[in-house]
Amino acid sequence: MADEATIEVAMIVPRTEAEGPGVRYAVWVQGCALRCVGCCNPEMLEFGGEGATRRRVVDLVEEACDSGAEGVSLLGGEPFAQAEGLAPLAEGVRARGLSVMIFSGYTLAELQARGPAAARLLAATDLLVDGRFEAKARSQTRRFIGSDNQVLHFLSDRYAQDDPKFAGGNTVELRIRGGEITLNGWPLLGPRTRVTR
């Protein structure tokens, strides 16, 4: 049942403009089997990693819809490693008018062959950035793209390719809260990091 679905969450930024068009509610999931060299979130690769929390999907839907964001961005880790839990999350926020963007290391063709949970999640996705991150092909000019081999797929008619929200290079956001500094977006020179006192 959707009410009982959970996902393993590494981090949430309730309002960001660096992880997709407009203001986004961004959820980074924990765990990825791909292990791309130079991954910007190496602390999110291990399933069951330190600091990850198990969250109920129904709670995340409410938080996202209450955030005032225009959409939800799912990152990681690898979102499609938790497709069974993320599908009802994507369906829930879309039913309430929010858009869904996913960043995946798998190509669209690979995702289409992954089975029913991935198909269900794809069906509830407006934008997909796909493909392994390749450090030698790091993108400097394409908004929301990590490396030049990756593709931004428009899976619904919610956004147009010529929308100004997709123009320009990547951005980075820095948040300081208490003794914690969080950097998200796409850093030019190195991985996204979290520094604590």
N, C-alpha and C. Protein backbone atom coordinates (compact mmCIF):
# COMPACT_ATOMS: atom_id res chain seq x y z
N MET A 1 0.83 -1.21 0.00
CA MET A 1 0.00 0.00 0.00
C MET A 1 0.86 1.25 0.00
N ALA A 2 0.40 2.29 -0.69
CA ALA A 2 1.15 3.55 -0.78
C ALA A 2 1.35 4.17 0.59
N ASP A 3 0.35 4.00 1.51
CA ASP A 3 0.46 4.58 2.85
C ASP A 3 1.64 4.01 3.63
N GLU A 4 2.07 2.80 3.28
CA GLU A 4 3.13 2.14 4.00
C GLU A 4 4.48 2.22 3.29
N ALA A 5 4.52 2.77 2.08
CA ALA A 5 5.76 2.85 1.32
C ALA A 5 6.76 3.76 2.03
N THR A 6 8.03 3.33 2.02
CA THR A 6 9.11 4.13 2.60
C THR A 6 10.28 4.17 1.64
N ILE A 7 11.12 5.18 1.83
CA ILE A 7 12.36 5.27 1.08
C ILE A 7 13.48 5.63 2.04
N GLU A 8 14.70 5.29 1.66
CA GLU A 8 15.86 5.63 2.45
C GLU A 8 16.40 6.97 1.94
N VAL A 9 16.36 7.97 2.78
CA VAL A 9 16.70 9.34 2.40
C VAL A 9 18.05 9.74 2.98
N ALA A 10 18.90 10.30 2.13
CA ALA A 10 20.20 10.81 2.57
C ALA A 10 20.10 12.27 2.99
N MET A 11 19.31 13.06 2.25
CA MET A 11 19.24 14.49 2.51
C MET A 11 18.01 15.07 1.82
N ILE A 12 17.45 16.11 2.40
CA ILE A 12 16.35 16.85 1.79
C ILE A 12 16.68 18.34 1.86
N VAL A 13 16.48 19.03 0.75
CA VAL A 13 16.52 20.50 0.74
C VAL A 13 15.13 20.94 0.32
N PRO A 14 14.35 21.54 1.24
CA PRO A 14 12.96 21.83 0.93
C PRO A 14 12.72 22.91 -0.12
N ARG A 15 13.70 23.78 -0.35
CA ARG A 15 13.54 24.83 -1.36
C ARG A 15 14.90 25.10 -2.00
N THR A 16 15.04 24.72 -3.26
CA THR A 16 16.30 24.95 -3.98
C THR A 16 15.99 25.33 -5.42
N GLU A 17 16.86 26.13 -6.00
CA GLU A 17 16.75 26.48 -7.41
C GLU A 17 17.91 25.90 -8.21
N ALA A 18 18.73 25.06 -7.58
CA ALA A 18 19.90 24.48 -8.25
C ALA A 18 19.67 23.06 -8.75
N GLU A 19 18.52 22.47 -8.43
CA GLU A 19 18.29 21.06 -8.74
C GLU A 19 17.12 20.83 -9.69
N GLY A 20 16.88 21.79 -10.57
CA GLY A 20 15.79 21.68 -11.53
C GLY A 20 15.13 23.02 -11.73
N PRO A 21 14.19 23.09 -12.67
CA PRO A 21 13.56 24.38 -12.99
C PRO A 21 12.69 24.92 -11.88
N GLY A 22 12.81 26.21 -11.62
CA GLY A 22 12.00 26.85 -10.58
C GLY A 22 12.48 26.45 -9.19
N VAL A 23 11.62 26.66 -8.22
CA VAL A 23 11.91 26.26 -6.85
C VAL A 23 11.52 24.80 -6.68
N ARG A 24 12.45 23.97 -6.18
CA ARG A 24 12.23 22.53 -6.07
C ARG A 24 12.32 22.06 -4.62
N TYR A 25 11.57 21.03 -4.31
CA TYR A 25 11.73 20.25 -3.08
C TYR A 25 12.61 19.08 -3.50
N ALA A 26 13.86 19.05 -3.02
CA ALA A 26 14.83 18.07 -3.51
C ALA A 26 15.06 16.97 -2.48
N VAL A 27 14.97 15.72 -2.94
CA VAL A 27 15.17 14.55 -2.09
C VAL A 27 16.33 13.74 -2.67
N TRP A 28 17.39 13.58 -1.89
CA TRP A 28 18.50 12.71 -2.26
C TRP A 28 18.28 11.37 -1.57
N VAL A 29 18.21 10.31 -2.35
CA VAL A 29 18.05 8.98 -1.76
C VAL A 29 19.43 8.39 -1.46
N GLN A 30 19.45 7.43 -0.54
CA GLN A 30 20.69 6.78 -0.15
C GLN A 30 20.85 5.48 -0.94
N GLY A 31 22.04 5.28 -1.51
CA GLY A 31 22.37 4.03 -2.16
C GLY A 31 22.43 4.11 -3.67
N CYS A 32 23.55 3.61 -4.23
CA CYS A 32 23.73 3.55 -5.68
C CYS A 32 24.74 2.47 -6.00
N ALA A 33 24.38 1.59 -6.90
CA ALA A 33 25.27 0.50 -7.30
C ALA A 33 26.21 0.89 -8.44
N LEU A 34 26.02 2.04 -9.07
CA LEU A 34 26.78 2.38 -10.28
C LEU A 34 28.21 2.81 -10.01
N ARG A 35 28.43 3.55 -8.95
CA ARG A 35 29.77 3.96 -8.54
C ARG A 35 30.54 4.72 -9.62
N CYS A 36 29.93 5.74 -10.21
CA CYS A 36 30.62 6.55 -11.22
C CYS A 36 31.84 7.22 -10.59
N VAL A 37 32.98 7.16 -11.27
CA VAL A 37 34.20 7.81 -10.79
C VAL A 37 33.97 9.31 -10.76
N GLY A 38 34.28 9.94 -9.63
CA GLY A 38 34.11 11.38 -9.49
C GLY A 38 32.71 11.79 -9.07
N CYS A 39 31.89 10.84 -8.64
CA CYS A 39 30.52 11.15 -8.18
C CYS A 39 30.54 12.31 -7.20
N CYS A 40 29.59 13.23 -7.35
CA CYS A 40 29.57 14.41 -6.47
C CYS A 40 28.95 14.09 -5.11
N ASN A 41 28.39 12.90 -4.93
CA ASN A 41 27.78 12.53 -3.65
C ASN A 41 28.31 11.18 -3.15
N PRO A 42 29.61 11.02 -2.97
CA PRO A 42 30.14 9.71 -2.61
C PRO A 42 29.61 9.17 -1.29
N GLU A 43 29.21 10.06 -0.38
CA GLU A 43 28.67 9.62 0.91
C GLU A 43 27.27 9.02 0.77
N MET A 44 26.69 9.12 -0.40
CA MET A 44 25.34 8.60 -0.62
C MET A 44 25.34 7.28 -1.41
N LEU A 45 26.51 6.71 -1.66
CA LEU A 45 26.59 5.49 -2.47
C LEU A 45 26.19 4.23 -1.72
N GLU A 46 26.57 4.11 -0.47
CA GLU A 46 26.29 2.89 0.31
C GLU A 46 24.82 2.82 0.68
N PHE A 47 24.21 1.68 0.42
CA PHE A 47 22.85 1.45 0.90
C PHE A 47 22.93 1.30 2.42
N GLY A 48 22.01 1.94 3.12
CA GLY A 48 22.05 1.89 4.58
C GLY A 48 23.18 2.71 5.16
N GLY A 49 23.64 3.71 4.41
CA GLY A 49 24.78 4.52 4.83
C GLY A 49 24.51 5.34 6.08
N GLU A 50 25.60 5.74 6.71
CA GLU A 50 25.52 6.54 7.93
C GLU A 50 24.78 7.84 7.67
N GLY A 51 23.88 8.17 8.55
CA GLY A 51 23.14 9.42 8.42
C GLY A 51 21.86 9.32 7.61
N ALA A 52 21.65 8.21 6.90
CA ALA A 52 20.42 8.04 6.14
C ALA A 52 19.25 7.75 7.08
N THR A 53 18.07 8.18 6.68
CA THR A 53 16.87 7.92 7.47
C THR A 53 15.80 7.28 6.60
N ARG A 54 15.00 6.41 7.18
CA ARG A 54 13.88 5.80 6.47
C ARG A 54 12.68 6.71 6.67
N ARG A 55 12.09 7.16 5.55
CA ARG A 55 10.97 8.10 5.60
C ARG A 55 9.74 7.52 4.91
N ARG A 56 8.57 7.84 5.45
CA ARG A 56 7.32 7.41 4.84
C ARG A 56 7.01 8.32 3.65
N VAL A 57 6.60 7.70 2.56
CA VAL A 57 6.29 8.45 1.34
C VAL A 57 5.15 9.43 1.56
N VAL A 58 4.11 9.02 2.29
CA VAL A 58 2.96 9.92 2.50
C VAL A 58 3.40 11.20 3.21
N ASP A 59 4.36 11.09 4.12
CA ASP A 59 4.85 12.28 4.81
C ASP A 59 5.64 13.18 3.87
N LEU A 60 6.44 12.58 3.00
CA LEU A 60 7.22 13.37 2.04
C LEU A 60 6.32 14.08 1.04
N VAL A 61 5.24 13.42 0.61
CA VAL A 61 4.29 14.07 -0.30
C VAL A 61 3.72 15.33 0.36
N GLU A 62 3.31 15.21 1.62
CA GLU A 62 2.75 16.37 2.33
C GLU A 62 3.79 17.47 2.49
N GLU A 63 5.01 17.11 2.88
CA GLU A 63 6.06 18.11 3.05
C GLU A 63 6.36 18.83 1.74
N ALA A 64 6.44 18.07 0.65
CA ALA A 64 6.73 18.67 -0.66
C ALA A 64 5.61 19.63 -1.07
N CYS A 65 4.37 19.20 -0.89
CA CYS A 65 3.24 20.04 -1.30
C CYS A 65 3.10 21.27 -0.42
N ASP A 66 3.52 21.17 0.84
CA ASP A 66 3.45 22.32 1.75
C ASP A 66 4.64 23.26 1.60
N SER A 67 5.66 22.87 0.84
CA SER A 67 6.90 23.66 0.75
C SER A 67 6.76 24.90 -0.13
N GLY A 68 5.73 24.96 -0.95
CA GLY A 68 5.58 26.07 -1.89
C GLY A 68 6.41 25.91 -3.14
N ALA A 69 7.04 24.75 -3.32
CA ALA A 69 7.85 24.50 -4.51
C ALA A 69 6.97 24.18 -5.71
N GLU A 70 7.49 24.40 -6.91
CA GLU A 70 6.74 24.05 -8.12
C GLU A 70 6.92 22.59 -8.49
N GLY A 71 7.92 21.95 -7.88
CA GLY A 71 8.14 20.55 -8.20
C GLY A 71 9.08 19.87 -7.25
N VAL A 72 9.23 18.58 -7.46
CA VAL A 72 10.11 17.73 -6.66
C VAL A 72 11.23 17.23 -7.56
N SER A 73 12.46 17.26 -7.05
CA SER A 73 13.61 16.68 -7.74
C SER A 73 14.11 15.51 -6.92
N LEU A 74 14.33 14.38 -7.60
CA LEU A 74 14.80 13.16 -6.96
C LEU A 74 16.21 12.88 -7.45
N LEU A 75 17.16 12.79 -6.50
CA LEU A 75 18.56 12.62 -6.82
C LEU A 75 19.13 11.54 -5.91
N GLY A 76 20.43 11.39 -5.94
CA GLY A 76 20.99 10.38 -5.05
C GLY A 76 22.48 10.44 -4.96
N GLY A 77 22.91 9.25 -4.55
CA GLY A 77 22.36 7.93 -4.70
C GLY A 77 21.74 7.76 -6.10
N GLU A 78 21.00 6.69 -6.21
CA GLU A 78 20.31 6.38 -7.47
C GLU A 78 18.81 6.22 -7.21
N PRO A 79 18.00 7.19 -7.67
CA PRO A 79 16.56 7.10 -7.43
C PRO A 79 15.92 5.80 -7.91
N PHE A 80 16.34 5.27 -9.04
CA PHE A 80 15.67 4.08 -9.56
C PHE A 80 16.04 2.81 -8.79
N ALA A 81 17.00 2.90 -7.88
CA ALA A 81 17.25 1.79 -6.96
C ALA A 81 16.14 1.68 -5.92
N GLN A 82 15.36 2.76 -5.78
CA GLN A 82 14.22 2.78 -4.86
C GLN A 82 12.93 3.13 -5.60
N ALA A 83 12.83 2.66 -6.84
CA ALA A 83 11.67 3.00 -7.68
C ALA A 83 10.35 2.60 -7.05
N GLU A 84 10.33 1.49 -6.34
CA GLU A 84 9.07 1.02 -5.75
C GLU A 84 8.51 2.02 -4.75
N GLY A 85 9.36 2.66 -3.97
CA GLY A 85 8.92 3.67 -3.03
C GLY A 85 8.74 5.04 -3.65
N LEU A 86 9.60 5.37 -4.64
CA LEU A 86 9.53 6.70 -5.24
C LEU A 86 8.37 6.86 -6.21
N ALA A 87 7.89 5.77 -6.79
CA ALA A 87 6.75 5.87 -7.72
C ALA A 87 5.52 6.47 -7.04
N PRO A 88 5.10 5.98 -5.86
CA PRO A 88 3.95 6.63 -5.22
C PRO A 88 4.24 8.06 -4.76
N LEU A 89 5.49 8.38 -4.47
CA LEU A 89 5.84 9.76 -4.13
C LEU A 89 5.63 10.64 -5.36
N ALA A 90 6.18 10.23 -6.50
CA ALA A 90 6.03 11.02 -7.73
C ALA A 90 4.56 11.14 -8.13
N GLU A 91 3.83 10.05 -8.05
CA GLU A 91 2.40 10.09 -8.39
C GLU A 91 1.63 11.01 -7.45
N GLY A 92 1.99 10.96 -6.17
CA GLY A 92 1.29 11.77 -5.18
C GLY A 92 1.48 13.26 -5.37
N VAL A 93 2.73 13.68 -5.65
CA VAL A 93 2.96 15.12 -5.82
C VAL A 93 2.41 15.60 -7.16
N ARG A 94 2.48 14.78 -8.19
CA ARG A 94 1.93 15.18 -9.50
C ARG A 94 0.42 15.32 -9.42
N ALA A 95 -0.24 14.46 -8.67
CA ALA A 95 -1.69 14.54 -8.53
C ALA A 95 -2.10 15.85 -7.86
N ARG A 96 -1.16 16.47 -7.15
CA ARG A 96 -1.45 17.74 -6.47
C ARG A 96 -0.79 18.92 -7.18
N GLY A 97 -0.39 18.72 -8.44
CA GLY A 97 0.04 19.84 -9.28
C GLY A 97 1.52 20.10 -9.35
N LEU A 98 2.36 19.34 -8.66
CA LEU A 98 3.80 19.56 -8.71
C LEU A 98 4.41 18.75 -9.85
N SER A 99 5.53 19.22 -10.35
CA SER A 99 6.26 18.48 -11.39
C SER A 99 7.29 17.56 -10.72
N VAL A 100 7.80 16.61 -11.50
CA VAL A 100 8.80 15.67 -10.99
C VAL A 100 9.98 15.63 -11.96
N MET A 101 11.17 15.82 -11.40
CA MET A 101 12.42 15.71 -12.15
C MET A 101 13.29 14.67 -11.46
N ILE A 102 13.92 13.78 -12.24
CA ILE A 102 14.77 12.75 -11.68
C ILE A 102 16.15 12.81 -12.35
N PHE A 103 17.18 12.66 -11.53
CA PHE A 103 18.56 12.55 -12.00
C PHE A 103 18.97 11.10 -11.79
N SER A 104 19.25 10.38 -12.89
CA SER A 104 19.59 8.96 -12.81
C SER A 104 20.89 8.68 -13.55
N GLY A 105 21.67 7.75 -13.03
CA GLY A 105 22.88 7.29 -13.71
C GLY A 105 22.58 6.29 -14.82
N TYR A 106 21.37 5.76 -14.83
CA TYR A 106 20.98 4.83 -15.88
C TYR A 106 20.48 5.61 -17.09
N THR A 107 20.64 5.05 -18.28
CA THR A 107 20.08 5.68 -19.47
C THR A 107 18.59 5.40 -19.51
N LEU A 108 17.88 6.19 -20.29
CA LEU A 108 16.44 5.98 -20.44
C LEU A 108 16.16 4.57 -20.96
N ALA A 109 16.94 4.09 -21.91
CA ALA A 109 16.75 2.74 -22.44
C ALA A 109 16.93 1.69 -21.35
N GLU A 110 17.93 1.86 -20.50
CA GLU A 110 18.14 0.92 -19.38
C GLU A 110 16.97 0.96 -18.42
N LEU A 111 16.46 2.15 -18.14
CA LEU A 111 15.33 2.27 -17.22
C LEU A 111 14.08 1.64 -17.79
N GLN A 112 13.87 1.77 -19.09
CA GLN A 112 12.69 1.18 -19.72
C GLN A 112 12.72 -0.34 -19.67
N ALA A 113 13.90 -0.92 -19.44
CA ALA A 113 14.04 -2.38 -19.36
C ALA A 113 14.11 -2.88 -17.93
N ARG A 114 13.94 -2.01 -16.94
CA ARG A 114 14.14 -2.39 -15.54
C ARG A 114 12.91 -3.01 -14.88
N GLY A 115 11.78 -2.99 -15.51
CA GLY A 115 10.62 -3.64 -14.90
C GLY A 115 9.53 -2.68 -14.48
N PRO A 116 8.48 -3.23 -13.84
CA PRO A 116 7.27 -2.44 -13.57
C PRO A 116 7.45 -1.27 -12.62
N ALA A 117 8.29 -1.40 -11.59
CA ALA A 117 8.47 -0.28 -10.65
C ALA A 117 9.12 0.91 -11.35
N ALA A 118 10.15 0.64 -12.16
CA ALA A 118 10.80 1.72 -12.91
C ALA A 118 9.84 2.32 -13.92
N ALA A 119 9.04 1.49 -14.58
CA ALA A 119 8.06 1.99 -15.57
C ALA A 119 7.04 2.90 -14.89
N ARG A 120 6.61 2.52 -13.71
CA ARG A 120 5.64 3.33 -12.97
C ARG A 120 6.24 4.68 -12.58
N LEU A 121 7.51 4.66 -12.14
CA LEU A 121 8.17 5.91 -11.77
C LEU A 121 8.40 6.79 -13.00
N LEU A 122 8.83 6.20 -14.09
CA LEU A 122 9.01 6.97 -15.33
C LEU A 122 7.70 7.61 -15.78
N ALA A 123 6.59 6.89 -15.64
CA ALA A 123 5.28 7.41 -16.07
C ALA A 123 4.86 8.63 -15.26
N ALA A 124 5.44 8.81 -14.07
CA ALA A 124 5.10 9.94 -13.22
C ALA A 124 6.22 10.99 -13.22
N THR A 125 7.04 10.99 -14.25
CA THR A 125 8.20 11.88 -14.34
C THR A 125 8.04 12.85 -15.50
N ASP A 126 8.30 14.12 -15.24
CA ASP A 126 8.24 15.14 -16.28
C ASP A 126 9.60 15.34 -16.96
N LEU A 127 10.66 15.31 -16.16
CA LEU A 127 12.01 15.56 -16.68
C LEU A 127 12.95 14.48 -16.14
N LEU A 128 13.80 13.98 -17.01
CA LEU A 128 14.78 12.96 -16.61
C LEU A 128 16.15 13.36 -17.15
N VAL A 129 17.13 13.47 -16.25
CA VAL A 129 18.52 13.59 -16.67
C VAL A 129 19.10 12.18 -16.53
N ASP A 130 19.60 11.62 -17.63
CA ASP A 130 20.04 10.22 -17.59
C ASP A 130 21.49 10.05 -17.99
N GLY A 131 22.06 8.92 -17.62
CA GLY A 131 23.41 8.55 -18.03
C GLY A 131 24.42 8.63 -16.91
N ARG A 132 25.44 7.78 -17.00
CA ARG A 132 26.51 7.77 -16.01
C ARG A 132 27.24 9.11 -16.02
N PHE A 133 27.67 9.53 -14.84
CA PHE A 133 28.52 10.71 -14.78
C PHE A 133 29.90 10.34 -15.27
N GLU A 134 30.46 11.15 -16.18
CA GLU A 134 31.81 10.95 -16.70
C GLU A 134 32.64 12.18 -16.35
N ALA A 135 33.54 12.02 -15.39
CA ALA A 135 34.32 13.15 -14.88
C ALA A 135 35.09 13.88 -15.98
N LYS A 136 35.61 13.13 -16.96
CA LYS A 136 36.39 13.76 -18.04
C LYS A 136 35.52 14.59 -18.97
N ALA A 137 34.20 14.39 -18.91
CA ALA A 137 33.28 15.13 -19.76
C ALA A 137 32.40 16.06 -18.91
N ARG A 138 32.93 16.52 -17.78
CA ARG A 138 32.17 17.40 -16.89
C ARG A 138 31.59 18.58 -17.66
N SER A 139 30.30 18.81 -17.50
CA SER A 139 29.62 19.88 -18.23
C SER A 139 29.85 21.22 -17.54
N GLN A 140 30.17 22.22 -18.32
CA GLN A 140 30.37 23.57 -17.80
C GLN A 140 29.24 24.51 -18.21
N THR A 141 28.48 24.13 -19.22
CA THR A 141 27.55 25.10 -19.81
C THR A 141 26.09 24.65 -19.86
N ARG A 142 25.80 23.39 -19.58
CA ARG A 142 24.43 22.89 -19.70
C ARG A 142 23.78 22.82 -18.33
N ARG A 143 22.73 23.57 -18.15
CA ARG A 143 22.04 23.65 -16.86
C ARG A 143 21.50 22.30 -16.43
N PHE A 144 21.74 21.92 -15.19
CA PHE A 144 21.26 20.69 -14.55
C PHE A 144 21.91 19.42 -15.11
N ILE A 145 22.99 19.55 -15.84
CA ILE A 145 23.67 18.39 -16.45
C ILE A 145 25.06 18.27 -15.83
N GLY A 146 25.42 17.07 -15.38
CA GLY A 146 26.72 16.86 -14.75
C GLY A 146 27.85 16.64 -15.74
N SER A 147 27.61 15.83 -16.79
CA SER A 147 28.64 15.60 -17.80
C SER A 147 27.99 15.58 -19.18
N ASP A 148 28.79 15.91 -20.18
CA ASP A 148 28.26 16.16 -21.52
C ASP A 148 27.58 14.95 -22.18
N ASN A 149 27.85 13.75 -21.71
CA ASN A 149 27.20 12.56 -22.26
C ASN A 149 25.75 12.42 -21.78
N GLN A 150 25.40 13.10 -20.72
CA GLN A 150 24.06 12.97 -20.14
C GLN A 150 23.03 13.74 -20.97
N VAL A 151 21.80 13.26 -20.91
CA VAL A 151 20.72 13.84 -21.72
C VAL A 151 19.58 14.27 -20.82
N LEU A 152 19.00 15.43 -21.10
CA LEU A 152 17.79 15.88 -20.43
C LEU A 152 16.60 15.50 -21.30
N HIS A 153 15.77 14.59 -20.80
CA HIS A 153 14.59 14.12 -21.53
C HIS A 153 13.34 14.83 -21.01
N PHE A 154 12.55 15.35 -21.91
CA PHE A 154 11.26 15.96 -21.58
C PHE A 154 10.21 14.87 -21.76
N LEU A 155 9.76 14.26 -20.65
CA LEU A 155 8.87 13.10 -20.72
C LEU A 155 7.40 13.48 -20.68
N SER A 156 7.10 14.75 -20.46
CA SER A 156 5.73 15.24 -20.51
C SER A 156 5.76 16.60 -21.19
N ASP A 157 4.61 17.20 -21.33
CA ASP A 157 4.57 18.54 -21.96
C ASP A 157 4.55 19.66 -20.91
N ARG A 158 4.93 19.34 -19.70
CA ARG A 158 4.92 20.34 -18.62
C ARG A 158 5.93 21.46 -18.88
N TYR A 159 7.08 21.13 -19.44
CA TYR A 159 8.12 22.11 -19.72
C TYR A 159 8.47 22.06 -21.20
N ALA A 160 8.90 23.22 -21.73
CA ALA A 160 9.35 23.30 -23.12
C ALA A 160 10.87 23.40 -23.13
N GLN A 161 11.49 22.80 -24.13
CA GLN A 161 12.95 22.80 -24.20
C GLN A 161 13.54 24.20 -24.30
N ASP A 162 12.78 25.14 -24.87
CA ASP A 162 13.30 26.51 -25.00
C ASP A 162 12.94 27.39 -23.81
N ASP A 163 12.43 26.81 -22.74
CA ASP A 163 12.10 27.55 -21.52
C ASP A 163 13.39 28.16 -20.96
N PRO A 164 13.40 29.45 -20.63
CA PRO A 164 14.60 30.10 -20.08
C PRO A 164 15.12 29.45 -18.80
N LYS A 165 14.29 28.69 -18.10
CA LYS A 165 14.73 28.01 -16.88
C LYS A 165 15.84 27.00 -17.15
N PHE A 166 15.98 26.58 -18.41
CA PHE A 166 16.99 25.58 -18.76
C PHE A 166 18.24 26.20 -19.39
N ALA A 167 18.27 27.52 -19.49
CA ALA A 167 19.41 28.21 -20.11
C ALA A 167 20.50 28.48 -19.09
N GLY A 168 21.71 28.60 -19.57
CA GLY A 168 22.84 28.96 -18.72
C GLY A 168 23.52 27.75 -18.12
N GLY A 169 24.53 28.02 -17.32
CA GLY A 169 25.29 26.96 -16.68
C GLY A 169 24.70 26.53 -15.36
N ASN A 170 25.38 25.62 -14.71
CA ASN A 170 24.93 25.12 -13.42
C ASN A 170 25.19 26.13 -12.32
N THR A 171 24.44 25.99 -11.25
CA THR A 171 24.59 26.87 -10.09
C THR A 171 24.84 26.02 -8.85
N VAL A 172 25.33 26.67 -7.82
CA VAL A 172 25.58 26.02 -6.54
C VAL A 172 24.91 26.85 -5.46
N GLU A 173 24.35 26.18 -4.46
CA GLU A 173 23.77 26.86 -3.31
C GLU A 173 24.52 26.41 -2.06
N LEU A 174 24.76 27.34 -1.18
CA LEU A 174 25.45 27.09 0.08
C LEU A 174 24.50 27.44 1.21
N ARG A 175 24.31 26.50 2.14
CA ARG A 175 23.46 26.75 3.29
C ARG A 175 24.28 26.54 4.57
N ILE A 176 24.11 27.46 5.50
CA ILE A 176 24.77 27.33 6.79
C ILE A 176 23.67 27.30 7.84
N ARG A 177 23.62 26.18 8.58
CA ARG A 177 22.60 26.03 9.61
C ARG A 177 23.26 25.39 10.81
N GLY A 178 23.28 26.13 11.92
CA GLY A 178 23.96 25.63 13.11
C GLY A 178 25.42 25.39 12.79
N GLY A 179 25.92 24.19 13.08
CA GLY A 179 27.31 23.86 12.80
C GLY A 179 27.50 23.13 11.50
N GLU A 180 26.51 23.19 10.61
CA GLU A 180 26.58 22.42 9.38
C GLU A 180 26.54 23.32 8.15
N ILE A 181 27.42 23.04 7.21
CA ILE A 181 27.44 23.73 5.92
C ILE A 181 27.05 22.70 4.87
N THR A 182 26.05 23.02 4.08
CA THR A 182 25.61 22.11 3.02
C THR A 182 25.72 22.82 1.69
N LEU A 183 26.33 22.14 0.73
CA LEU A 183 26.50 22.66 -0.61
C LEU A 183 25.71 21.76 -1.55
N ASN A 184 24.83 22.34 -2.36
CA ASN A 184 24.12 21.55 -3.37
C ASN A 184 24.10 22.29 -4.69
N GLY A 185 23.75 21.57 -5.74
CA GLY A 185 23.88 22.08 -7.09
C GLY A 185 25.04 21.34 -7.73
N TRP A 186 25.72 21.97 -8.64
CA TRP A 186 26.83 21.27 -9.28
C TRP A 186 28.11 22.07 -9.10
N PRO A 187 28.95 21.70 -8.09
CA PRO A 187 30.20 22.42 -7.88
C PRO A 187 31.12 22.27 -9.09
N LEU A 188 31.78 23.34 -9.44
CA LEU A 188 32.65 23.35 -10.61
C LEU A 188 33.89 22.49 -10.43
N LEU A 189 34.46 22.50 -9.24
CA LEU A 189 35.77 21.89 -9.07
C LEU A 189 35.77 20.57 -8.31
N GLY A 190 34.71 20.22 -7.62
CA GLY A 190 34.79 19.00 -6.83
C GLY A 190 33.45 18.55 -6.32
N PRO A 191 33.46 17.54 -5.44
CA PRO A 191 32.21 16.96 -4.98
C PRO A 191 31.43 17.88 -4.06
N ARG A 192 30.13 17.64 -4.01
CA ARG A 192 29.27 18.29 -3.03
C ARG A 192 29.71 17.78 -1.68
N THR A 193 29.83 18.67 -0.72
CA THR A 193 30.33 18.23 0.56
C THR A 193 29.46 18.76 1.69
N ARG A 194 29.53 18.07 2.81
CA ARG A 194 28.89 18.52 4.03
C ARG A 194 29.99 18.61 5.08
N VAL A 195 30.11 19.78 5.71
CA VAL A 195 31.16 19.99 6.68
C VAL A 195 30.50 20.27 8.02
N THR A 196 30.94 19.59 9.07
CA THR A 196 30.38 19.84 10.39
C THR A 196 31.50 20.20 11.35
N ARG A 197 31.12 20.88 12.42
CA ARG A 197 32.10 21.26 13.46
C ARG A 197 32.53 20.04 14.23
